[in-house]
Amino acid sequence: VGSAAGGQIGARIGRRLSPAMLRAVIVVVG
């Protein structure tokens, strides 16, 4: 239930990130 809701939240956030910002997020999480 939680991940289904989180998937929509993540899509709203992720689709607004630039490629450089997306790579930065990847590095931080990694």
Full PDB file with SEQRES, HELIX, SHEET, SSBOND, CRYST1, ORIGX, SCALE, CONECT and MASTER records, all heavy atoms in Angstrom:
SEQRES   1 A   30  VAL GLY SER ALA ALA GLY GLY GLN ILE GLY ALA ARG ILE          
SEQRES   2 A   30  GLY ARG ARG LEU SER PRO ALA MET LEU ARG ALA VAL ILE          
SEQRES   3 A   30  VAL VAL VAL GLY                                              
HELIX    1 AA1 GLY A    2  GLY A   14  1                                  13    
HELIX    2 AA2 PRO A   19  VAL A   29  1                                  11    
CRYST1    1.000    1.000    1.000  90.00  90.00  90.00 P 1           1          
ORIGX1      1.000000  0.000000  0.000000        0.00000                         
ORIGX2      0.000000  1.000000  0.000000        0.00000                         
ORIGX3      0.000000  0.000000  1.000000        0.00000                         
SCALE1      1.000000  0.000000  0.000000        0.00000                         
SCALE2      0.000000  1.000000  0.000000        0.00000                         
SCALE3      0.000000  0.000000  1.000000        0.00000                         
ATOM      1  N   VAL A   1       0.838  -1.202   0.000  1.00  0.00           N  
ATOM      2  CA  VAL A   1       0.000   0.000   0.000  1.00  0.00           C  
ATOM      3  C   VAL A   1       0.874   1.253   0.000  1.00  0.00           C  
ATOM      4  O   VAL A   1       0.655   2.203  -0.766  1.00  0.00           O  
ATOM      5  CB  VAL A   1      -0.950  -0.003   1.213  1.00  0.00           C  
ATOM      6  CG1 VAL A   1      -1.693   1.327   1.315  1.00  0.00           C  
ATOM      7  CG2 VAL A   1      -1.947  -1.157   1.106  1.00  0.00           C  
ATOM      8  N   GLY A   2       1.862   1.253   0.880  1.00  0.00           N  
ATOM      9  CA  GLY A   2       2.735   2.422   0.976  1.00  0.00           C  
ATOM     10  C   GLY A   2       3.532   2.657  -0.288  1.00  0.00           C  
ATOM     11  O   GLY A   2       3.646   3.797  -0.758  1.00  0.00           O  
ATOM     12  N   SER A   3       4.097   1.600  -0.882  1.00  0.00           N  
ATOM     13  CA  SER A   3       4.931   1.770  -2.069  1.00  0.00           C  
ATOM     14  C   SER A   3       4.108   2.207  -3.276  1.00  0.00           C  
ATOM     15  O   SER A   3       4.614   2.946  -4.139  1.00  0.00           O  
ATOM     16  CB  SER A   3       5.683   0.474  -2.381  1.00  0.00           C  
ATOM     17  OG  SER A   3       4.810  -0.563  -2.794  1.00  0.00           O  
ATOM     18  N   ALA A   4       2.848   1.776  -3.352  1.00  0.00           N  
ATOM     19  CA  ALA A   4       1.987   2.225  -4.457  1.00  0.00           C  
ATOM     20  C   ALA A   4       1.775   3.733  -4.386  1.00  0.00           C  
ATOM     21  O   ALA A   4       1.839   4.433  -5.405  1.00  0.00           O  
ATOM     22  CB  ALA A   4       0.654   1.490  -4.413  1.00  0.00           C  
ATOM     23  N   ALA A   5       1.544   4.233  -3.182  1.00  0.00           N  
ATOM     24  CA  ALA A   5       1.404   5.682  -3.018  1.00  0.00           C  
ATOM     25  C   ALA A   5       2.732   6.386  -3.266  1.00  0.00           C  
ATOM     26  O   ALA A   5       2.790   7.431  -3.933  1.00  0.00           O  
ATOM     27  CB  ALA A   5       0.897   5.989  -1.613  1.00  0.00           C  
ATOM     28  N   GLY A   6       3.810   5.807  -2.753  1.00  0.00           N  
ATOM     29  CA  GLY A   6       5.124   6.407  -2.935  1.00  0.00           C  
ATOM     30  C   GLY A   6       5.557   6.444  -4.382  1.00  0.00           C  
ATOM     31  O   GLY A   6       6.272   7.369  -4.804  1.00  0.00           O  
ATOM     32  N   GLY A   7       5.137   5.448  -5.175  1.00  0.00           N  
ATOM     33  CA  GLY A   7       5.482   5.437  -6.593  1.00  0.00           C  
ATOM     34  C   GLY A   7       4.943   6.647  -7.328  1.00  0.00           C  
ATOM     35  O   GLY A   7       5.626   7.244  -8.174  1.00  0.00           O  
ATOM     36  N   GLN A   8       3.723   7.041  -6.986  1.00  0.00           N  
ATOM     37  CA  GLN A   8       3.149   8.235  -7.608  1.00  0.00           C  
ATOM     38  C   GLN A   8       3.861   9.507  -7.153  1.00  0.00           C  
ATOM     39  O   GLN A   8       4.117  10.408  -7.946  1.00  0.00           O  
ATOM     40  CB  GLN A   8       1.653   8.325  -7.270  1.00  0.00           C  
ATOM     41  CG  GLN A   8       0.799   7.280  -7.969  1.00  0.00           C  
ATOM     42  CD  GLN A   8       0.852   7.421  -9.480  1.00  0.00           C  
ATOM     43  OE1 GLN A   8       0.528   8.468 -10.042  1.00  0.00           O  
ATOM     44  NE2 GLN A   8       1.288   6.364 -10.149  1.00  0.00           N  
ATOM     45  N   ILE A   9       4.210   9.545  -5.871  1.00  0.00           N  
ATOM     46  CA  ILE A   9       4.947  10.705  -5.351  1.00  0.00           C  
ATOM     47  C   ILE A   9       6.311  10.801  -6.036  1.00  0.00           C  
ATOM     48  O   ILE A   9       6.743  11.874  -6.467  1.00  0.00           O  
ATOM     49  CB  ILE A   9       5.107  10.598  -3.829  1.00  0.00           C  
ATOM     50  CG1 ILE A   9       3.741  10.656  -3.140  1.00  0.00           C  
ATOM     51  CG2 ILE A   9       6.023  11.702  -3.302  1.00  0.00           C  
ATOM     52  CD1 ILE A   9       3.797  10.337  -1.654  1.00  0.00           C  
ATOM     53  N   GLY A  10       6.985   9.671  -6.151  1.00  0.00           N  
ATOM     54  CA  GLY A  10       8.294   9.654  -6.785  1.00  0.00           C  
ATOM     55  C   GLY A  10       8.245  10.065  -8.243  1.00  0.00           C  
ATOM     56  O   GLY A  10       9.144  10.769  -8.732  1.00  0.00           O  
ATOM     57  N   ALA A  11       7.213   9.644  -8.952  1.00  0.00           N  
ATOM     58  CA  ALA A  11       7.089  10.014 -10.359  1.00  0.00           C  
ATOM     59  C   ALA A  11       6.894  11.519 -10.519  1.00  0.00           C  
ATOM     60  O   ALA A  11       7.467  12.142 -11.425  1.00  0.00           O  
ATOM     61  CB  ALA A  11       5.913   9.263 -10.998  1.00  0.00           C  
ATOM     62  N   ARG A  12       6.109  12.111  -9.638  1.00  0.00           N  
ATOM     63  CA  ARG A  12       5.892  13.564  -9.708  1.00  0.00           C  
ATOM     64  C   ARG A  12       7.190  14.332  -9.468  1.00  0.00           C  
ATOM     65  O   ARG A  12       7.460  15.345 -10.100  1.00  0.00           O  
ATOM     66  CB  ARG A  12       4.834  13.992  -8.682  1.00  0.00           C  
ATOM     67  CG  ARG A  12       3.426  13.534  -9.018  1.00  0.00           C  
ATOM     68  CD  ARG A  12       2.453  13.923  -7.915  1.00  0.00           C  
ATOM     69  NE  ARG A  12       1.096  13.518  -8.235  1.00  0.00           N  
ATOM     70  CZ  ARG A  12       0.217  14.276  -8.870  1.00  0.00           C  
ATOM     71  NH1 ARG A  12       0.576  15.505  -9.236  1.00  0.00           N  
ATOM     72  NH2 ARG A  12      -0.990  13.852  -9.130  1.00  0.00           N  
ATOM     73  N   ILE A  13       7.997  13.817  -8.524  1.00  0.00           N  
ATOM     74  CA  ILE A  13       9.256  14.488  -8.210  1.00  0.00           C  
ATOM     75  C   ILE A  13      10.307  14.210  -9.284  1.00  0.00           C  
ATOM     76  O   ILE A  13      10.957  15.111  -9.805  1.00  0.00           O  
ATOM     77  CB  ILE A  13       9.775  14.031  -6.830  1.00  0.00           C  
ATOM     78  CG1 ILE A  13       8.805  14.458  -5.732  1.00  0.00           C  
ATOM     79  CG2 ILE A  13      11.178  14.595  -6.565  1.00  0.00           C  
ATOM     80  CD1 ILE A  13       9.139  13.890  -4.368  1.00  0.00           C  
ATOM     81  N   GLY A  14      10.480  12.939  -9.628  1.00  0.00           N  
ATOM     82  CA  GLY A  14      11.543  12.539 -10.526  1.00  0.00           C  
ATOM     83  C   GLY A  14      11.427  13.114 -11.913  1.00  0.00           C  
ATOM     84  O   GLY A  14      12.440  13.459 -12.544  1.00  0.00           O  
ATOM     85  N   ARG A  15      10.221  13.260 -12.428  1.00  0.00           N  
ATOM     86  CA  ARG A  15      10.040  13.756 -13.785  1.00  0.00           C  
ATOM     87  C   ARG A  15      10.378  15.234 -13.903  1.00  0.00           C  
ATOM     88  O   ARG A  15      10.526  15.755 -15.007  1.00  0.00           O  
ATOM     89  CB  ARG A  15       8.602  13.499 -14.261  1.00  0.00           C  
ATOM     90  CG  ARG A  15       8.270  12.023 -14.405  1.00  0.00           C  
ATOM     91  CD  ARG A  15       6.825  11.774 -14.766  1.00  0.00           C  
ATOM     92  NE  ARG A  15       6.579  12.142 -16.155  1.00  0.00           N  
ATOM     93  CZ  ARG A  15       5.708  13.065 -16.541  1.00  0.00           C  
ATOM     94  NH1 ARG A  15       5.044  13.754 -15.624  1.00  0.00           N  
ATOM     95  NH2 ARG A  15       5.515  13.312 -17.812  1.00  0.00           N  
ATOM     96  N   ARG A  16      10.526  15.923 -12.784  1.00  0.00           N  
ATOM     97  CA  ARG A  16      10.861  17.347 -12.800  1.00  0.00           C  
ATOM     98  C   ARG A  16      12.359  17.588 -12.603  1.00  0.00           C  
ATOM     99  O   ARG A  16      12.806  18.729 -12.631  1.00  0.00           O  
ATOM    100  CB  ARG A  16      10.067  18.081 -11.716  1.00  0.00           C  
ATOM    101  CG  ARG A  16       8.575  18.190 -12.031  1.00  0.00           C  
ATOM    102  CD  ARG A  16       7.797  18.751 -10.848  1.00  0.00           C  
ATOM    103  NE  ARG A  16       6.440  19.114 -11.207  1.00  0.00           N  
ATOM    104  CZ  ARG A  16       5.440  18.251 -11.332  1.00  0.00           C  
ATOM    105  NH1 ARG A  16       5.664  16.955 -11.136  1.00  0.00           N  
ATOM    106  NH2 ARG A  16       4.224  18.661 -11.665  1.00  0.00           N  
ATOM    107  N   LEU A  17      13.135  16.525 -12.392  1.00  0.00           N  
ATOM    108  CA  LEU A  17      14.560  16.688 -12.160  1.00  0.00           C  
ATOM    109  C   LEU A  17      15.327  16.761 -13.480  1.00  0.00           C  
ATOM    110  O   LEU A  17      15.036  16.012 -14.410  1.00  0.00           O  
ATOM    111  CB  LEU A  17      15.103  15.517 -11.337  1.00  0.00           C  
ATOM    112  CG  LEU A  17      14.580  15.376  -9.905  1.00  0.00           C  
ATOM    113  CD1 LEU A  17      15.166  14.122  -9.272  1.00  0.00           C  
ATOM    114  CD2 LEU A  17      14.924  16.599  -9.082  1.00  0.00           C  
ATOM    115  N   SER A  18      16.304  17.638 -13.551  1.00  0.00           N  
ATOM    116  CA  SER A  18      17.183  17.681 -14.715  1.00  0.00           C  
ATOM    117  C   SER A  18      18.089  16.460 -14.696  1.00  0.00           C  
ATOM    118  O   SER A  18      18.274  15.829 -13.644  1.00  0.00           O  
ATOM    119  CB  SER A  18      18.035  18.952 -14.673  1.00  0.00           C  
ATOM    120  OG  SER A  18      18.946  18.887 -13.581  1.00  0.00           O  
ATOM    121  N   PRO A  19      18.689  16.080 -15.853  1.00  0.00           N  
ATOM    122  CA  PRO A  19      19.619  14.935 -15.855  1.00  0.00           C  
ATOM    123  C   PRO A  19      20.738  15.079 -14.837  1.00  0.00           C  
ATOM    124  O   PRO A  19      21.097  14.120 -14.156  1.00  0.00           O  
ATOM    125  CB  PRO A  19      20.154  14.934 -17.287  1.00  0.00           C  
ATOM    126  CG  PRO A  19      19.060  15.550 -18.095  1.00  0.00           C  
ATOM    127  CD  PRO A  19      18.450  16.597 -17.203  1.00  0.00           C  
ATOM    128  N   ALA A  20      21.299  16.296 -14.702  1.00  0.00           N  
ATOM    129  CA  ALA A  20      22.379  16.505 -13.739  1.00  0.00           C  
ATOM    130  C   ALA A  20      21.885  16.307 -12.313  1.00  0.00           C  
ATOM    131  O   ALA A  20      22.564  15.688 -11.479  1.00  0.00           O  
ATOM    132  CB  ALA A  20      22.960  17.901 -13.906  1.00  0.00           C  
ATOM    133  N   MET A  21      20.697  16.826 -12.017  1.00  0.00           N  
ATOM    134  CA  MET A  21      20.135  16.669 -10.672  1.00  0.00           C  
ATOM    135  C   MET A  21      19.806  15.206 -10.390  1.00  0.00           C  
ATOM    136  O   MET A  21      20.029  14.704  -9.277  1.00  0.00           O  
ATOM    137  CB  MET A  21      18.877  17.525 -10.519  1.00  0.00           C  
ATOM    138  CG  MET A  21      18.240  17.444  -9.137  1.00  0.00           C  
ATOM    139  SD  MET A  21      19.331  18.052  -7.825  1.00  0.00           S  
ATOM    140  CE  MET A  21      19.340  19.813  -8.219  1.00  0.00           C  
ATOM    141  N   LEU A  22      19.296  14.500 -11.408  1.00  0.00           N  
ATOM    142  CA  LEU A  22      18.977  13.096 -11.240  1.00  0.00           C  
ATOM    143  C   LEU A  22      20.237  12.292 -10.920  1.00  0.00           C  
ATOM    144  O   LEU A  22      20.239  11.433 -10.039  1.00  0.00           O  
ATOM    145  CB  LEU A  22      18.304  12.552 -12.499  1.00  0.00           C  
ATOM    146  CG  LEU A  22      17.810  11.102 -12.429  1.00  0.00           C  
ATOM    147  CD1 LEU A  22      16.845  10.911 -11.274  1.00  0.00           C  
ATOM    148  CD2 LEU A  22      17.147  10.715 -13.744  1.00  0.00           C  
ATOM    149  N   ARG A  23      21.324  12.603 -11.620  1.00  0.00           N  
ATOM    150  CA  ARG A  23      22.588  11.920 -11.318  1.00  0.00           C  
ATOM    151  C   ARG A  23      23.054  12.241  -9.899  1.00  0.00           C  
ATOM    152  O   ARG A  23      23.588  11.372  -9.202  1.00  0.00           O  
ATOM    153  CB  ARG A  23      23.658  12.320 -12.334  1.00  0.00           C  
ATOM    154  CG  ARG A  23      23.472  11.709 -13.698  1.00  0.00           C  
ATOM    155  CD  ARG A  23      24.671  11.953 -14.606  1.00  0.00           C  
ATOM    156  NE  ARG A  23      24.421  11.386 -15.911  1.00  0.00           N  
ATOM    157  CZ  ARG A  23      23.839  12.042 -16.914  1.00  0.00           C  
ATOM    158  NH1 ARG A  23      23.478  13.299 -16.742  1.00  0.00           N  
ATOM    159  NH2 ARG A  23      23.626  11.456 -18.065  1.00  0.00           N  
ATOM    160  N   ALA A  24      22.870  13.473  -9.464  1.00  0.00           N  
ATOM    161  CA  ALA A  24      23.265  13.852  -8.112  1.00  0.00           C  
ATOM    162  C   ALA A  24      22.466  13.068  -7.074  1.00  0.00           C  
ATOM    163  O   ALA A  24      23.018  12.594  -6.071  1.00  0.00           O  
ATOM    164  CB  ALA A  24      23.067  15.351  -7.909  1.00  0.00           C  
ATOM    165  N   VAL A  25      21.171  12.919  -7.313  1.00  0.00           N  
ATOM    166  CA  VAL A  25      20.335  12.137  -6.397  1.00  0.00           C  
ATOM    167  C   VAL A  25      20.810  10.689  -6.368  1.00  0.00           C  
ATOM    168  O   VAL A  25      20.890  10.056  -5.302  1.00  0.00           O  
ATOM    169  CB  VAL A  25      18.853  12.221  -6.817  1.00  0.00           C  
ATOM    170  CG1 VAL A  25      18.012  11.269  -5.980  1.00  0.00           C  
ATOM    171  CG2 VAL A  25      18.334  13.643  -6.661  1.00  0.00           C  
ATOM    172  N   ILE A  26      21.131  10.144  -7.538  1.00  0.00           N  
ATOM    173  CA  ILE A  26      21.619   8.767  -7.612  1.00  0.00           C  
ATOM    174  C   ILE A  26      22.871   8.588  -6.764  1.00  0.00           C  
ATOM    175  O   ILE A  26      23.006   7.618  -6.011  1.00  0.00           O  
ATOM    176  CB  ILE A  26      21.906   8.383  -9.081  1.00  0.00           C  
ATOM    177  CG1 ILE A  26      20.603   8.304  -9.877  1.00  0.00           C  
ATOM    178  CG2 ILE A  26      22.638   7.039  -9.157  1.00  0.00           C  
ATOM    179  CD1 ILE A  26      20.811   8.164 -11.369  1.00  0.00           C  
ATOM    180  N   VAL A  27      23.797   9.535  -6.883  1.00  0.00           N  
ATOM    181  CA  VAL A  27      25.050   9.439  -6.135  1.00  0.00           C  
ATOM    182  C   VAL A  27      24.798   9.504  -4.631  1.00  0.00           C  
ATOM    183  O   VAL A  27      25.354   8.715  -3.853  1.00  0.00           O  
ATOM    184  CB  VAL A  27      26.022  10.552  -6.570  1.00  0.00           C  
ATOM    185  CG1 VAL A  27      27.225  10.607  -5.633  1.00  0.00           C  
ATOM    186  CG2 VAL A  27      26.483  10.326  -8.002  1.00  0.00           C  
ATOM    187  N   VAL A  28      23.947  10.424  -4.199  1.00  0.00           N  
ATOM    188  CA  VAL A  28      23.658  10.561  -2.768  1.00  0.00           C  
ATOM    189  C   VAL A  28      23.023   9.289  -2.214  1.00  0.00           C  
ATOM    190  O   VAL A  28      23.440   8.763  -1.168  1.00  0.00           O  
ATOM    191  CB  VAL A  28      22.742  11.782  -2.514  1.00  0.00           C  
ATOM    192  CG1 VAL A  28      22.247  11.775  -1.070  1.00  0.00           C  
ATOM    193  CG2 VAL A  28      23.480  13.067  -2.826  1.00  0.00           C  
ATOM    194  N   VAL A  29      22.018   8.777  -2.922  1.00  0.00           N  
ATOM    195  CA  VAL A  29      21.350   7.547  -2.456  1.00  0.00           C  
ATOM    196  C   VAL A  29      22.312   6.378  -2.488  1.00  0.00           C  
ATOM    197  O   VAL A  29      22.325   5.549  -1.578  1.00  0.00           O  
ATOM    198  CB  VAL A  29      20.100   7.279  -3.328  1.00  0.00           C  
ATOM    199  CG1 VAL A  29      19.497   5.913  -2.960  1.00  0.00           C  
ATOM    200  CG2 VAL A  29      19.064   8.361  -3.135  1.00  0.00           C  
ATOM    201  N   GLY A  30      23.124   6.296  -3.523  1.00  0.00           N  
ATOM    202  CA  GLY A  30      24.076   5.210  -3.626  1.00  0.00           C  
ATOM    203  C   GLY A  30      25.097   5.209  -2.504  1.00  0.00           C  
ATOM    204  O   GLY A  30      25.424   4.165  -1.931  1.00  0.00           O  
TER     205      GLY A  30                                                      
MASTER        0    0    0    2    0    0    0    6  204    1    0    3          
END                                                                             
